[in-house]
Amino acid sequence: MIGYVATLPAMTQSEETAYTEGSRMAWLQMLRHCLKELGYEDPEAKAALFAVEREETVQQLRAICREFGDNDWSEHLHLGDVIEKHLGRHLHST
């Protein structure tokens, strides 16, 4: 089948969001495994471990905001702002 190119149907916004979140989680799990295998449990590796922890926190906030708030925030927004503006305001308004 030389020259055959499969075309995939366009994803909905919801499917694209789920794909992006799943992809980030997969990369995060690989990073966590790599850090462990490389022996990065010492104090010098704290920055890498904080990055992993932040990514996991963002994933949890995305799930909670999907149900109780909004997900109109970037991955790099300060987590306090995410909680206040994109989750807390929604919870306090109910």
Protein backbone atom coordinates (compact mmCIF):
# COMPACT_ATOMS: atom_id res chain seq x y z
CA MET A 1 0.00 0.00 0.00
CA ILE A 2 2.56 2.53 -1.05
CA GLY A 3 1.24 6.05 -0.99
CA TYR A 4 -1.69 5.31 1.32
CA VAL A 5 -2.22 7.94 3.97
CA ALA A 6 -4.81 7.37 6.65
CA THR A 7 -6.80 10.38 7.71
CA LEU A 8 -8.18 10.56 11.19
CA PRO A 9 -11.37 12.39 12.04
CA ALA A 10 -10.92 15.73 13.74
CA MET A 11 -11.04 15.59 17.52
CA THR A 12 -13.61 17.48 19.51
CA GLN A 13 -12.37 19.99 22.08
CA SER A 14 -13.17 17.48 24.82
CA GLU A 15 -11.24 14.71 23.06
CA GLU A 16 -8.29 17.01 22.41
CA THR A 17 -8.23 18.05 26.09
CA ALA A 18 -8.34 14.41 27.22
CA TYR A 19 -5.55 13.53 24.77
CA THR A 20 -3.37 16.38 26.00
CA GLU A 21 -3.93 15.49 29.65
CA GLY A 22 -3.24 11.81 28.97
CA SER A 23 -0.08 12.65 27.07
CA ARG A 24 1.20 14.87 29.90
CA MET A 25 0.44 12.14 32.43
CA ALA A 26 2.32 9.56 30.35
CA TRP A 27 5.38 11.83 30.09
CA LEU A 28 5.16 12.51 33.80
CA GLN A 29 5.14 8.81 34.64
CA MET A 30 8.15 8.23 32.39
CA LEU A 31 9.99 11.13 34.05
CA ARG A 32 9.23 9.79 37.52
CA HIS A 33 10.51 6.35 36.51
CA CYS A 34 13.65 7.79 34.92
CA LEU A 35 14.45 9.90 37.99
CA LYS A 36 14.06 6.88 40.23
CA GLU A 37 16.25 4.69 38.01
CA LEU A 38 18.92 7.39 37.86
CA GLY A 39 18.99 7.57 41.66
CA TYR A 40 17.65 11.10 41.93
CA GLU A 41 16.36 10.84 45.45
CA ASP A 42 19.11 12.98 46.96
CA PRO A 43 18.72 16.68 47.86
CA GLU A 44 20.24 17.83 44.55
CA ALA A 45 17.32 16.30 42.69
CA LYS A 46 14.66 18.17 44.64
CA ALA A 47 13.99 20.55 41.75
CA ALA A 48 13.17 17.66 39.44
CA LEU A 49 10.97 16.04 42.06
CA PHE A 50 9.16 19.35 42.64
CA ALA A 51 8.52 19.54 38.89
CA VAL A 52 6.98 16.07 39.00
CA GLU A 53 4.89 17.01 42.04
CA ARG A 54 3.70 20.20 40.35
CA GLU A 55 2.65 18.29 37.23
CA GLU A 56 0.71 15.81 39.35
CA THR A 57 -0.96 18.70 41.19
CA VAL A 58 -1.92 20.34 37.89
CA GLN A 59 -3.48 17.05 36.74
CA GLN A 60 -5.53 16.82 39.94
CA LEU A 61 -6.60 20.47 39.67
CA ARG A 62 -7.68 19.90 36.06
CA ALA A 63 -9.91 17.02 37.14
CA ILE A 64 -11.43 18.95 40.06
CA CYS A 65 -11.86 22.15 38.03
CA ARG A 66 -13.57 20.15 35.28
CA GLU A 67 -16.27 19.16 37.76
CA PHE A 68 -16.47 22.15 40.10
CA GLY A 69 -14.77 25.10 38.37
CA ASP A 70 -13.35 25.95 34.95
CA ASN A 71 -10.26 24.90 33.04
CA ASP A 72 -9.62 28.25 31.36
CA TRP A 73 -6.05 28.49 32.71
CA SER A 74 -2.59 27.73 31.37
CA GLU A 75 -0.39 24.93 32.66
CA HIS A 76 2.08 27.50 33.99
CA LEU A 77 -0.30 29.69 36.00
CA HIS A 78 0.59 29.99 39.69
CA LEU A 79 -1.28 27.21 41.51
CA GLY A 80 -2.64 29.63 44.11
CA ASP A 81 -4.24 31.64 41.31
CA VAL A 82 -5.73 28.48 39.81
CA ILE A 83 -7.29 27.56 43.14
CA GLU A 84 -8.57 31.07 43.83
CA LYS A 85 -9.78 32.14 40.40
CA HIS A 86 -10.72 28.93 38.62
CA LEU A 87 -11.96 26.75 41.47
CA GLY A 88 -12.63 28.74 44.64
CA ARG A 89 -14.78 31.42 43.00
CA HIS A 90 -17.00 28.73 41.50
CA LEU A 91 -17.31 26.90 44.80
CA HIS A 92 -18.11 30.09 46.74
CA SER A 93 -20.74 31.17 44.22
CA THR A 94 -22.89 28.06 44.72
